Amino acid sequence: MDISNYSIQQIIKVGSGTIEIFVFLMMVLYLFFAFILIRKLRIMNLNLKTPYNKLFLLLARVHFVASFIVIILTFITIRR
């Protein structure tokens, strides 16, 4: 395979596509982290009673929804 047959634009297009896929996969992994965070907070709230239990769970859910919205917006942006 001779690299001189490819133009700079083709090489950049392949590279940027690879980066877009990598970023999207990392964001999906972050969404998984946000889900795990909700689960851990539920377990923590069962074992440790504080007046902030509901606030912590609410913030974790908002974090999960915000992560999901960012992933959707990223997917829409990548597909254009």
C-alpha atoms as a PDB file:
ATOM      1  CA  MET A   1       0.000   0.000   0.000  1.00  0.00           C
ATOM      2  CA  ASP A   2       1.542   3.243  -1.124  1.00  0.00           C
ATOM      3  CA  ILE A   3       0.591   6.232   1.003  1.00  0.00           C
ATOM      4  CA  SER A   4       1.404   8.695  -1.782  1.00  0.00           C
ATOM      5  CA  ASN A   5      -1.851   7.698  -3.527  1.00  0.00           C
ATOM      6  CA  TYR A   6      -3.896   9.270  -0.733  1.00  0.00           C
ATOM      7  CA  SER A   7      -4.482  12.977  -0.481  1.00  0.00           C
ATOM      8  CA  ILE A   8      -4.068  14.923   2.725  1.00  0.00           C
ATOM      9  CA  GLN A   9      -7.853  15.485   2.861  1.00  0.00           C
ATOM     10  CA  GLN A  10      -8.533  11.731   2.795  1.00  0.00           C
ATOM     11  CA  ILE A  11      -6.019  11.087   5.556  1.00  0.00           C
ATOM     12  CA  ILE A  12      -7.500  13.878   7.707  1.00  0.00           C
ATOM     13  CA  LYS A  13     -11.032  12.581   7.086  1.00  0.00           C
ATOM     14  CA  VAL A  14     -10.100   9.078   8.258  1.00  0.00           C
ATOM     15  CA  GLY A  15      -8.264  10.477  11.289  1.00  0.00           C
ATOM     16  CA  SER A  16     -11.105  12.759  12.315  1.00  0.00           C
ATOM     17  CA  GLY A  17     -13.606   9.921  11.910  1.00  0.00           C
ATOM     18  CA  THR A  18     -11.516   7.747  14.180  1.00  0.00           C
ATOM     19  CA  ILE A  19     -11.338  10.497  16.791  1.00  0.00           C
ATOM     20  CA  GLU A  20     -15.113  11.038  16.614  1.00  0.00           C
ATOM     21  CA  ILE A  21     -15.768   7.340  17.222  1.00  0.00           C
ATOM     22  CA  PHE A  22     -13.292   7.290  20.115  1.00  0.00           C
ATOM     23  CA  VAL A  23     -14.873  10.359  21.749  1.00  0.00           C
ATOM     24  CA  PHE A  24     -18.358   8.890  21.361  1.00  0.00           C
ATOM     25  CA  LEU A  25     -17.275   5.605  22.958  1.00  0.00           C
ATOM     26  CA  MET A  26     -15.665   7.459  25.862  1.00  0.00           C
ATOM     27  CA  MET A  27     -18.897   9.385  26.392  1.00  0.00           C
ATOM     28  CA  VAL A  28     -20.876   6.136  26.480  1.00  0.00           C
ATOM     29  CA  LEU A  29     -18.463   4.821  29.102  1.00  0.00           C
ATOM     30  CA  TYR A  30     -19.005   8.027  31.076  1.00  0.00           C
ATOM     31  CA  LEU A  31     -22.767   7.444  30.899  1.00  0.00           C
ATOM     32  CA  PHE A  32     -22.158   3.991  32.363  1.00  0.00           C
ATOM     33  CA  PHE A  33     -20.152   5.653  35.152  1.00  0.00           C
ATOM     34  CA  ALA A  34     -23.059   8.028  35.845  1.00  0.00           C
ATOM     35  CA  PHE A  35     -25.402   5.039  36.100  1.00  0.00           C
ATOM     36  CA  ILE A  36     -23.047   3.265  38.509  1.00  0.00           C
ATOM     37  CA  LEU A  37     -22.885   6.460  40.569  1.00  0.00           C
ATOM     38  CA  ILE A  38     -26.665   6.377  41.033  1.00  0.00           C
ATOM     39  CA  ARG A  39     -26.496   2.755  42.171  1.00  0.00           C
ATOM     40  CA  LYS A  40     -23.694   3.462  44.637  1.00  0.00           C
ATOM     41  CA  LEU A  41     -25.565   6.411  46.092  1.00  0.00           C
ATOM     42  CA  ARG A  42     -28.647   4.267  46.637  1.00  0.00           C
ATOM     43  CA  ILE A  43     -26.569   1.700  48.520  1.00  0.00           C
ATOM     44  CA  MET A  44     -24.847   4.435  50.497  1.00  0.00           C
ATOM     45  CA  ASN A  45     -28.204   5.949  51.439  1.00  0.00           C
ATOM     46  CA  LEU A  46     -29.355   2.590  52.799  1.00  0.00           C
ATOM     47  CA  ASN A  47     -26.323   2.322  55.071  1.00  0.00           C
ATOM     48  CA  LEU A  48     -25.716   5.941  56.018  1.00  0.00           C
ATOM     49  CA  LYS A  49     -28.637   8.132  57.008  1.00  0.00           C
ATOM     50  CA  THR A  50     -28.113  11.854  56.447  1.00  0.00           C
ATOM     51  CA  PRO A  51     -30.488  14.749  55.838  1.00  0.00           C
ATOM     52  CA  TYR A  52     -28.982  15.086  52.346  1.00  0.00           C
ATOM     53  CA  ASN A  53     -29.960  11.632  51.023  1.00  0.00           C
ATOM     54  CA  LYS A  54     -32.591  12.930  48.630  1.00  0.00           C
ATOM     55  CA  LEU A  55     -30.387  15.789  47.460  1.00  0.00           C
ATOM     56  CA  PHE A  56     -27.503  13.445  46.626  1.00  0.00           C
ATOM     57  CA  LEU A  57     -29.776  11.112  44.690  1.00  0.00           C
ATOM     58  CA  LEU A  58     -31.371  14.030  42.845  1.00  0.00           C
ATOM     59  CA  LEU A  59     -27.963  15.393  41.847  1.00  0.00           C
ATOM     60  CA  ALA A  60     -26.867  11.955  40.656  1.00  0.00           C
ATOM     61  CA  ARG A  61     -29.994  11.625  38.515  1.00  0.00           C
ATOM     62  CA  VAL A  62     -29.540  15.126  37.061  1.00  0.00           C
ATOM     63  CA  HIS A  63     -25.932  14.186  36.288  1.00  0.00           C
ATOM     64  CA  PHE A  64     -27.097  11.027  34.488  1.00  0.00           C
ATOM     65  CA  VAL A  65     -29.729  12.884  32.446  1.00  0.00           C
ATOM     66  CA  ALA A  66     -27.260  15.637  31.542  1.00  0.00           C
ATOM     67  CA  SER A  67     -24.729  13.030  30.416  1.00  0.00           C
ATOM     68  CA  PHE A  68     -27.376  11.337  28.291  1.00  0.00           C
ATOM     69  CA  ILE A  69     -28.389  14.659  26.685  1.00  0.00           C
ATOM     70  CA  VAL A  70     -24.755  15.470  25.879  1.00  0.00           C
ATOM     71  CA  ILE A  71     -24.323  12.066  24.228  1.00  0.00           C
ATOM     72  CA  ILE A  72     -27.441  12.594  22.105  1.00  0.00           C
ATOM     73  CA  LEU A  73     -26.254  16.051  21.044  1.00  0.00           C
ATOM     74  CA  THR A  74     -22.812  14.679  20.235  1.00  0.00           C
ATOM     75  CA  PHE A  75     -24.313  11.892  18.139  1.00  0.00           C
ATOM     76  CA  ILE A  76     -26.452  14.401  16.222  1.00  0.00           C
ATOM     77  CA  THR A  77     -23.416  16.619  15.645  1.00  0.00           C
ATOM     78  CA  ILE A  78     -21.234  13.729  14.445  1.00  0.00           C
ATOM     79  CA  ARG A  79     -23.854  12.513  11.978  1.00  0.00           C
ATOM     80  CA  ARG A  80     -23.993  15.879  10.158  1.00  0.00           C
END
